[in-house]
């Protein structure tokens, strides 16, 4: 649109120059805001579809991060339980050695009594370890621990964990005695069974830990990939934003010059008088 130079009541060229100058200033403000916040989308109005996708991806990432914390927490709990099982396993191995020693017919009553006292103390220590192996005041290896860990951001992504008893009663060694050669000999078989039973329970813990380790890796990769996609939609490309700012600053200067020239154009009418 243009107007004749001899009509001065409405300076259309100046109005057009002012309009484009205002649009350029708005563009500069928008790109400077992007540079200040580091985001391409600062409100739903910037990109409604992109905003919706970004919020959904952000929610998924937050859920994955919470699940990863849950997995790390579960691993810590199982490490505590594993430590309890391992300590009891060491004691069972010692008890087996004592039973083998006591089963020998060359021992006298004094020696057998001493072995029996040590054996009884070791058995008490087994139950003491069970009592002390806890997390958040919950006993882990007394046979009562059974929980479901939330290991994913979906409601169904869980891992049920139940830990078996490692008490002397649970392992079948609560009534063993080294007081006679016959009872010590019988205890050897019971201790072999207890060792195999505890090894199986420790194996269960190892399998839980292996599954949690796999989940930890999967969650870590998912968090990274989800954040990468969200960043693509929402975050500002600083090189591009800076390039746009420089371009618009040049346009701003040319628009100001154009507006100045347009404001001066009507003065040509004065040459008619």
Foldseek 3Di string as FASTA:
>chain_A
DADDLQDDPDLVLLVVLVVVLVVLVVLLVLLVVQVVVQKQDPDCVSPVVLVVLLVVLVLQLVLLVVLLVLLVVVLVLLVLVLVLLVVLLVLLVVLLVLLVVLLDPPDDQVVLVVSQVVSLVSLVVNQVSQCPSDDPNHRQAQFPDWDKTQNHSDPPRIDIDTAYHRHCVSLVNNPQGSNHSVSSVVVNVSSVSSSVVSVVRSVSSVVVNVVSVVSSVVSVVSSVVSVVVSCVSIGDDNVVSVVSSVVSVVVSVVSVVSSVVSVCSSVVSVVVD
